[in-house]
Protein backbone atom coordinates (compact mmCIF):
# COMPACT_ATOMS: atom_id res chain seq x y z
CA UNK A 1 0.00 0.00 0.00
CA UNK A 2 1.46 3.45 -0.89
CA UNK A 3 2.06 5.97 1.90
CA UNK A 4 -0.83 8.21 2.88
CA UNK A 5 -0.37 11.96 3.30
CA UNK A 6 -1.94 14.30 5.81
CA UNK A 7 -3.56 17.56 4.71
CA UNK A 8 -1.29 20.57 4.33
CA UNK A 9 -1.12 23.04 7.23
CA UNK A 10 -3.54 26.00 7.10
CA UNK A 11 -0.74 28.42 6.18
CA UNK A 12 0.30 26.30 3.21
CA UNK A 13 3.30 24.02 2.95
CA UNK A 14 4.05 20.49 1.94
CA UNK A 15 2.01 17.42 2.74
CA UNK A 16 3.24 15.38 5.69
CA UNK A 17 4.03 11.77 4.72
CA UNK A 18 2.41 9.01 6.79
CA UNK A 19 2.97 5.27 6.76
CA UNK A 20 0.22 2.66 6.25
CA UNK A 21 -0.64 2.69 9.98
CA UNK A 22 -1.26 6.44 9.92
CA UNK A 23 1.80 7.44 11.93
CA UNK A 24 4.11 10.18 10.73
CA UNK A 25 7.10 9.06 8.68
CA UNK A 26 10.37 10.68 9.69
CA UNK A 27 12.72 11.58 6.86
CA UNK A 28 16.25 11.31 8.17
CA UNK A 29 18.15 12.46 5.10
CA UNK A 30 20.45 15.43 5.55
CA UNK A 31 20.19 17.82 2.57
CA UNK A 32 23.88 18.67 3.02
CA UNK A 33 24.69 15.17 1.74
CA UNK A 34 23.56 16.30 -1.72
CA UNK A 35 25.55 19.55 -1.85
CA UNK A 36 28.22 19.83 -4.57
CA UNK A 37 31.82 19.49 -3.40
CA UNK A 38 32.57 23.23 -3.56
CA UNK A 39 29.63 24.03 -1.25
CA UNK A 40 30.75 21.31 1.16
CA UNK A 41 34.29 22.75 1.25
CA UNK A 42 32.88 26.24 1.93
CA UNK A 43 30.74 24.85 4.76
CA UNK A 44 33.72 23.09 6.34
CA UNK A 45 35.85 26.24 6.06
CA UNK A 46 33.17 28.47 7.62
CA UNK A 47 32.49 26.00 10.42
CA UNK A 48 36.20 26.11 11.28
CA UNK A 49 35.97 29.92 11.52
CA UNK A 50 32.54 30.44 13.11
CA UNK A 51 31.77 27.12 14.83
CA UNK A 52 28.89 24.68 14.35
CA UNK A 53 26.46 26.73 16.45
CA UNK A 54 26.53 29.67 14.01
CA UNK A 55 23.92 29.51 11.19
CA UNK A 56 26.17 31.35 8.71
CA UNK A 57 28.08 28.27 7.43
CA UNK A 58 24.85 26.43 6.60
CA UNK A 59 23.14 29.45 5.04
CA UNK A 60 26.14 30.45 2.91
CA UNK A 61 26.90 26.93 1.69
CA UNK A 62 23.22 26.21 0.98
CA UNK A 63 22.99 29.38 -1.12
CA UNK A 64 26.16 28.45 -3.03
CA UNK A 65 24.88 24.90 -3.56
CA UNK A 66 21.72 26.24 -5.25
CA UNK A 67 23.56 28.49 -7.73
CA UNK A 68 23.96 27.36 -11.36
CA UNK A 69 27.35 25.91 -12.28
CA UNK A 70 30.07 28.52 -12.87
CA UNK A 71 30.83 27.24 -16.40
CA UNK A 72 27.37 28.07 -17.73
CA UNK A 73 26.77 31.48 -19.21
CA UNK A 74 23.58 33.50 -19.32
CA UNK A 75 20.94 32.34 -21.75
CA UNK A 76 19.94 34.64 -24.56
């Protein structure tokens, strides 16, 4: 049986996955595992400077990870 989803929150947002018994399914995948290597290196460098408690390393590396590759030019 495919997983069931709960209705979205009143303010919008994604559906919450549920298993066949109706309990919430916990996704334990860290999005940082899918960052490109250059974003991961930036994160490691900033953590060494600011520490793991500072949100800056995660925010900066996440922004860099979402940018288009450097070797692609603007489309015309």
